[in-house]
C-alpha cells in the first residue's frame, strides 16, 4: 500500500445524501456526533427536500462545525449527491452513512484502527437490521474478504459500513445511476485492490422500512442487469452467469428477511 500521503484534516470524511429525511436525520447525525473517534467531518447533501430536513441539519452545523451542509437546487438522486459531497471531502478516508441509518459509537475507531494497523484500503462490517421504530430484529453478517467476482455474484457490503482510503485509491466516485450505485463503486475499488476486508463485529444499524422488504425488487434486478452490461461492460454470457447467482441469492435473502421480520415482531 502506498503510505505517502499529505497531512490532511480531518482524517475521515463522512458522506450522507438526504432527501425528505426529517423523521430520522437527527438520530443519524447524533450517532456520528457520539463517535469515540473525533477526527472527522460530516458532509450532508440535502437533495432539494421539501420538508424540514435542511433545517434540522443546519441546527447541527451551528452547534458543531464538523458538520457541513450542501444543498442541491434540484432533486438529482443519491449518486450525484454523494459525488458532490466527495468533491468537497478533505479527509483521507471516505465513509458513507445514509440519512436514516445509525452508527455504533465505536464504529470509526474500530474500523480506522483496523485499516491503518494492517494497511487495508477498503473495509466494511457486519451490521444490524433495524425496524422503523429503532428495534433491532436481525443481523447481516459479512465474509472476511471479497473480490470483484464475489460482489458481482452477491453484494454483502452495506453502504453504511463501507470505508475506503484515498491514499490508496484517490477519490473514486459512484457511477451516476439511479440504483445500485454503491455496488458500482465497490466494483471500481475492487478492480484496483484485490480484496475488500470485512469486520465481523456489527458496527452500524440499517433501517428497514416495512414496504421495502419486498418492494422495488424487480427494479433493483433491472438496475443490477444494467450495471453488468452498461457500467461493467460484461458480455451477455457473463452477465447471465452472474445474474443467475444474484437472482438466487436475492430470493433467498428476501425470504429470510421476511421470515425474520414476521417471527421477531
Protein backbone atom coordinates (compact mmCIF):
# COMPACT_ATOMS: atom_id res chain seq x y z
CA UNK A 1 0.00 0.00 0.00
CA UNK A 2 1.20 3.49 -0.78
CA UNK A 3 1.71 5.23 2.56
CA UNK A 4 2.86 8.56 1.14
CA UNK A 5 0.00 10.96 1.65
CA UNK A 6 -0.02 14.63 2.58
CA UNK A 7 -1.17 15.52 6.07
CA UNK A 8 -4.90 16.19 5.93
CA UNK A 9 -7.52 17.27 8.39
CA UNK A 10 -9.83 15.66 9.17
CA UNK A 11 -8.81 12.03 8.84
CA UNK A 12 -12.31 10.80 7.89
CA UNK A 13 -14.90 12.41 5.62
CA UNK A 14 -18.40 11.04 6.12
CA UNK A 15 -20.83 11.38 3.21
CA UNK A 16 -24.62 11.44 3.56
CA UNK A 17 -27.27 12.16 0.92
CA UNK A 18 -30.56 13.36 2.43
CA UNK A 19 -34.00 13.75 0.89
CA UNK A 20 -37.14 14.32 2.99
CA UNK A 21 -35.42 12.73 5.98
CA UNK A 22 -36.80 14.89 8.79
CA UNK A 23 -38.05 11.83 10.73
CA UNK A 24 -34.64 10.16 11.08
CA UNK A 25 -31.84 12.60 10.16
CA UNK A 26 -31.28 13.91 13.70
CA UNK A 27 -30.70 10.38 15.04
CA UNK A 28 -28.25 9.63 12.21
CA UNK A 29 -26.23 12.79 12.82
CA UNK A 30 -26.27 12.23 16.56
CA UNK A 31 -24.79 8.75 16.04
CA UNK A 32 -21.88 10.44 14.24
CA UNK A 33 -21.51 13.10 16.90
CA UNK A 34 -21.27 10.37 19.56
CA UNK A 35 -18.33 8.60 17.86
CA UNK A 36 -15.40 7.81 20.14
CA UNK A 37 -13.18 8.71 17.16
CA UNK A 38 -13.30 12.51 16.85
CA UNK A 39 -11.20 13.34 13.78
CA UNK A 40 -13.96 13.60 11.17
CA UNK A 41 -16.06 15.90 9.06
CA UNK A 42 -19.61 15.02 8.03
CA UNK A 43 -20.79 16.36 4.68
CA UNK A 44 -24.55 16.11 4.22
CA UNK A 45 -26.08 16.95 0.85
CA UNK A 46 -29.75 17.95 1.03
CA UNK A 47 -31.19 16.78 -2.30
CA UNK A 48 -33.83 19.52 -2.56
CA UNK A 49 -36.02 18.23 0.27
CA UNK A 50 -39.46 19.78 0.75
CA UNK A 51 -39.70 19.05 4.47
CA UNK A 52 -37.60 20.18 7.49
CA UNK A 53 -34.53 18.09 6.60
CA UNK A 54 -32.24 21.03 5.75
CA UNK A 55 -33.41 22.98 8.81
CA UNK A 56 -32.56 20.08 11.14
CA UNK A 57 -29.14 19.61 9.55
CA UNK A 58 -28.44 23.35 9.88
CA UNK A 59 -29.07 23.10 13.62
CA UNK A 60 -26.26 20.53 13.86
CA UNK A 61 -23.99 22.70 11.68
CA UNK A 62 -24.46 25.66 14.02
CA UNK A 63 -23.58 23.59 17.08
CA UNK A 64 -20.69 21.59 15.61
CA UNK A 65 -18.54 22.91 12.75
CA UNK A 66 -17.52 19.37 11.76
CA UNK A 67 -20.92 19.12 10.10
CA UNK A 68 -21.19 20.62 6.62
CA UNK A 69 -24.47 21.20 4.76
CA UNK A 70 -24.56 21.39 0.96
CA UNK A 71 -27.81 21.97 -0.91
CA UNK A 72 -28.99 20.83 -4.33
CA UNK A 73 -31.28 23.14 -6.29
CA UNK A 74 -32.96 20.10 -7.84
CA UNK A 75 -33.50 16.52 -6.77
CA UNK A 76 -30.71 14.67 -8.57
CA UNK A 77 -30.69 11.39 -6.60
CA UNK A 78 -28.21 9.81 -4.18
CA UNK A 79 -25.37 9.15 -6.65
CA UNK A 80 -25.00 12.82 -7.62
CA UNK A 81 -25.48 13.89 -4.00
CA UNK A 82 -22.73 11.57 -2.76
CA UNK A 83 -20.38 12.60 -5.56
CA UNK A 84 -20.97 16.29 -4.79
CA UNK A 85 -20.02 15.62 -1.16
CA UNK A 86 -16.94 13.70 -2.29
CA UNK A 87 -15.69 16.72 -4.25
CA UNK A 88 -15.76 18.75 -1.01
CA UNK A 89 -14.25 15.99 1.16
CA UNK A 90 -10.90 16.81 2.80
CA UNK A 91 -10.29 13.58 4.69
CA UNK A 92 -8.03 10.67 3.86
CA UNK A 93 -10.73 8.08 4.50
CA UNK A 94 -14.19 8.21 2.88
CA UNK A 95 -17.11 6.73 4.84
CA UNK A 96 -20.80 6.53 3.99
CA UNK A 97 -23.94 6.85 6.12
CA UNK A 98 -27.48 7.19 4.80
CA UNK A 99 -29.85 9.63 6.43
CA UNK A 100 -32.00 7.06 8.25
CA UNK A 101 -29.25 4.70 9.44
CA UNK A 102 -27.16 4.68 12.64
CA UNK A 103 -23.58 4.00 13.63
CA UNK A 104 -22.31 2.23 16.73
CA UNK A 105 -20.36 4.74 18.89
CA UNK A 106 -17.05 2.90 18.25
CA UNK A 107 -17.62 2.34 14.53
CA UNK A 108 -14.94 4.69 13.21
CA UNK A 109 -12.47 3.93 15.99
CA UNK A 110 -12.57 0.19 15.33
CA UNK A 111 -12.60 0.43 11.56
CA UNK A 112 -9.90 3.08 11.11
CA UNK A 113 -7.58 1.34 13.57
CA UNK A 114 -8.07 -1.92 11.66
CA UNK A 115 -7.29 -0.25 8.33
CA UNK A 116 -4.26 1.70 9.49
CA UNK A 117 -2.74 -1.15 11.52
CA UNK A 118 -2.75 -3.62 8.62
CA UNK A 119 -2.61 -1.19 5.68
CA UNK A 120 -6.04 -2.24 4.37
CA UNK A 121 -7.54 0.24 1.87
CA UNK A 122 -11.18 -0.94 1.70
CA UNK A 123 -13.28 -2.33 4.56
CA UNK A 124 -16.87 -2.95 5.59
CA UNK A 125 -18.56 -4.65 8.53
CA UNK A 126 -21.46 -6.70 9.80
CA UNK A 127 -24.50 -4.55 10.61
CA UNK A 128 -27.83 -4.78 12.40
CA UNK A 129 -31.23 -4.82 10.75
CA UNK A 130 -33.47 -2.28 12.45
CA UNK A 131 -37.21 -1.60 12.26
CA UNK A 132 -38.54 1.89 11.56
CA UNK A 133 -39.06 2.39 15.32
CA UNK A 134 -35.40 1.54 16.05
CA UNK A 135 -35.89 -2.03 17.32
CA UNK A 136 -33.17 -4.47 16.16
CA UNK A 137 -34.63 -7.62 14.57
CA UNK A 138 -31.67 -9.24 12.83
CA UNK A 139 -28.08 -9.01 11.69
CA UNK A 140 -26.41 -9.02 8.29
CA UNK A 141 -23.10 -10.84 8.61
CA UNK A 142 -20.25 -10.30 6.15
CA UNK A 143 -17.43 -12.52 4.86
CA UNK A 144 -13.81 -11.97 5.92
CA UNK A 145 -13.00 -10.71 2.45
CA UNK A 146 -14.49 -10.29 -1.02
CA UNK A 147 -13.08 -9.90 -4.53
CA UNK A 148 -14.53 -8.34 -7.67
CA UNK A 149 -16.27 -11.53 -8.83
CA UNK A 150 -17.75 -12.16 -5.37
CA UNK A 151 -19.54 -8.82 -5.47
CA UNK A 152 -20.86 -9.50 -8.97
CA UNK A 153 -22.48 -12.67 -7.61
CA UNK A 154 -23.76 -11.20 -4.35
CA UNK A 155 -23.05 -7.90 -2.66
CA UNK A 156 -22.69 -8.26 1.11
CA UNK A 157 -21.28 -4.76 1.58
CA UNK A 158 -23.64 -2.39 3.37
CA UNK A 159 -23.07 1.18 2.23
CA UNK A 160 -23.46 2.40 5.82
CA UNK A 161 -20.36 0.37 6.84
CA UNK A 162 -18.02 0.91 3.86
CA UNK A 163 -14.80 2.93 4.20
CA UNK A 164 -12.08 3.41 1.61
CA UNK A 165 -8.65 5.03 1.73
CA UNK A 166 -7.96 7.82 -0.76
CA UNK A 167 -4.24 7.41 -0.10
CA UNK A 168 -4.54 4.13 -1.99
CA UNK A 169 -7.38 4.76 -4.45
CA UNK A 170 -7.62 8.52 -4.79
CA UNK A 171 -11.16 9.91 -4.76
CA UNK A 172 -13.43 7.43 -6.54
CA UNK A 173 -16.98 8.47 -7.44
CA UNK A 174 -20.09 6.34 -7.62
CA UNK A 175 -21.46 5.66 -11.11
CA UNK A 176 -24.32 8.03 -11.94
CA UNK A 177 -27.17 5.51 -11.96
CA UNK A 178 -30.44 5.63 -10.01
CA UNK A 179 -29.89 2.39 -8.12
CA UNK A 180 -27.01 0.04 -7.29
CA UNK A 181 -24.55 2.93 -7.49
CA UNK A 182 -22.92 1.75 -4.27
CA UNK A 183 -22.30 -1.69 -5.78
CA UNK A 184 -20.81 0.07 -8.80
CA UNK A 185 -18.37 1.87 -6.51
CA UNK A 186 -17.30 -1.33 -4.73
CA UNK A 187 -16.60 -2.91 -8.12
CA UNK A 188 -14.50 0.11 -9.11
CA UNK A 189 -12.45 -0.23 -5.93
CA UNK A 190 -12.04 -3.98 -6.32
CA UNK A 191 -10.61 -3.54 -9.80
CA UNK A 192 -7.74 -1.67 -8.13
CA UNK A 193 -7.38 -3.60 -4.88
CA UNK A 194 -7.55 -7.39 -4.95
CA UNK A 195 -9.88 -7.67 -1.97
CA UNK A 196 -12.08 -5.75 0.41
CA UNK A 197 -11.99 -6.89 4.03
CA UNK A 198 -14.94 -7.48 6.33
CA UNK A 199 -15.10 -6.87 10.08
CA UNK A 200 -17.22 -9.47 11.88
CA UNK A 201 -18.37 -7.08 14.61
CA UNK A 202 -21.65 -5.26 13.98
CA UNK A 203 -20.80 -1.56 13.72
CA UNK A 204 -23.98 0.01 12.34
CA UNK A 205 -27.77 -0.37 12.10
CA UNK A 206 -29.65 -0.35 8.79
CA UNK A 207 -33.24 0.87 8.99
CA UNK A 208 -35.54 -1.49 7.10
CA UNK A 209 -38.82 0.09 6.09
CA UNK A 210 -41.63 -2.45 6.02
CA UNK A 211 -42.61 -1.73 2.45
CA UNK A 212 -39.01 -2.13 1.29
CA UNK A 213 -38.78 -5.81 2.27
CA UNK A 214 -40.47 -6.93 -0.93
CA UNK A 215 -40.98 -3.68 -2.86
CA UNK A 216 -38.70 -2.49 -5.65
CA UNK A 217 -37.00 -5.88 -6.03
CA UNK A 218 -37.81 -6.02 -9.74
CA UNK A 219 -36.42 -2.51 -10.15
CA UNK A 220 -33.25 -3.49 -8.27
CA UNK A 221 -32.84 -6.51 -10.53
CA UNK A 222 -33.20 -4.34 -13.64
CA UNK A 223 -30.54 -1.92 -12.41
CA UNK A 224 -28.25 -4.80 -11.48
CA UNK A 225 -28.51 -6.09 -15.04
CA UNK A 226 -27.75 -2.59 -16.37
CA UNK A 227 -24.77 -2.39 -14.03
CA UNK A 228 -23.38 -5.58 -15.53
CA UNK A 229 -23.95 -4.57 -19.13
CA UNK A 230 -23.61 -0.76 -19.22
CA UNK A 231 -21.17 0.02 -16.40
CA UNK A 232 -19.05 -3.13 -16.08
CA UNK A 233 -19.32 -3.88 -19.83
CA UNK A 234 -19.71 -7.60 -19.24
CA UNK A 235 -20.57 -9.83 -22.18
CA UNK A 236 -24.09 -11.21 -22.44
CA UNK A 237 -22.90 -14.66 -21.37
CA UNK A 238 -21.01 -13.35 -18.33
CA UNK A 239 -23.93 -11.12 -17.40
CA UNK A 240 -26.31 -14.08 -17.47
CA UNK A 241 -23.85 -16.11 -15.40
CA UNK A 242 -23.50 -13.54 -12.62
CA UNK A 243 -27.18 -12.56 -12.75
CA UNK A 244 -28.15 -16.17 -12.05
CA UNK A 245 -26.20 -16.00 -8.76
CA UNK A 246 -27.67 -12.58 -7.98
CA UNK A 247 -31.22 -13.87 -8.53
CA UNK A 248 -30.88 -16.97 -6.35
CA UNK A 249 -29.09 -15.08 -3.57
CA UNK A 250 -31.60 -12.23 -3.75
CA UNK A 251 -34.63 -14.51 -3.46
CA UNK A 252 -33.03 -16.41 -0.56
CA UNK A 253 -32.19 -13.18 1.28
CA UNK A 254 -35.66 -11.73 0.67
CA UNK A 255 -37.43 -14.75 2.12
CA UNK A 256 -35.03 -14.88 5.06
CA UNK A 257 -35.65 -11.21 5.86
CA UNK A 258 -39.41 -11.62 5.51
CA UNK A 259 -39.41 -14.59 7.93
CA UNK A 260 -37.17 -12.81 10.46
CA UNK A 261 -39.41 -9.72 10.26
CA UNK A 262 -42.57 -11.79 10.86
CA UNK A 263 -41.34 -14.10 13.63
CA UNK A 264 -39.49 -11.40 15.62
CA UNK A 265 -42.38 -8.99 15.74
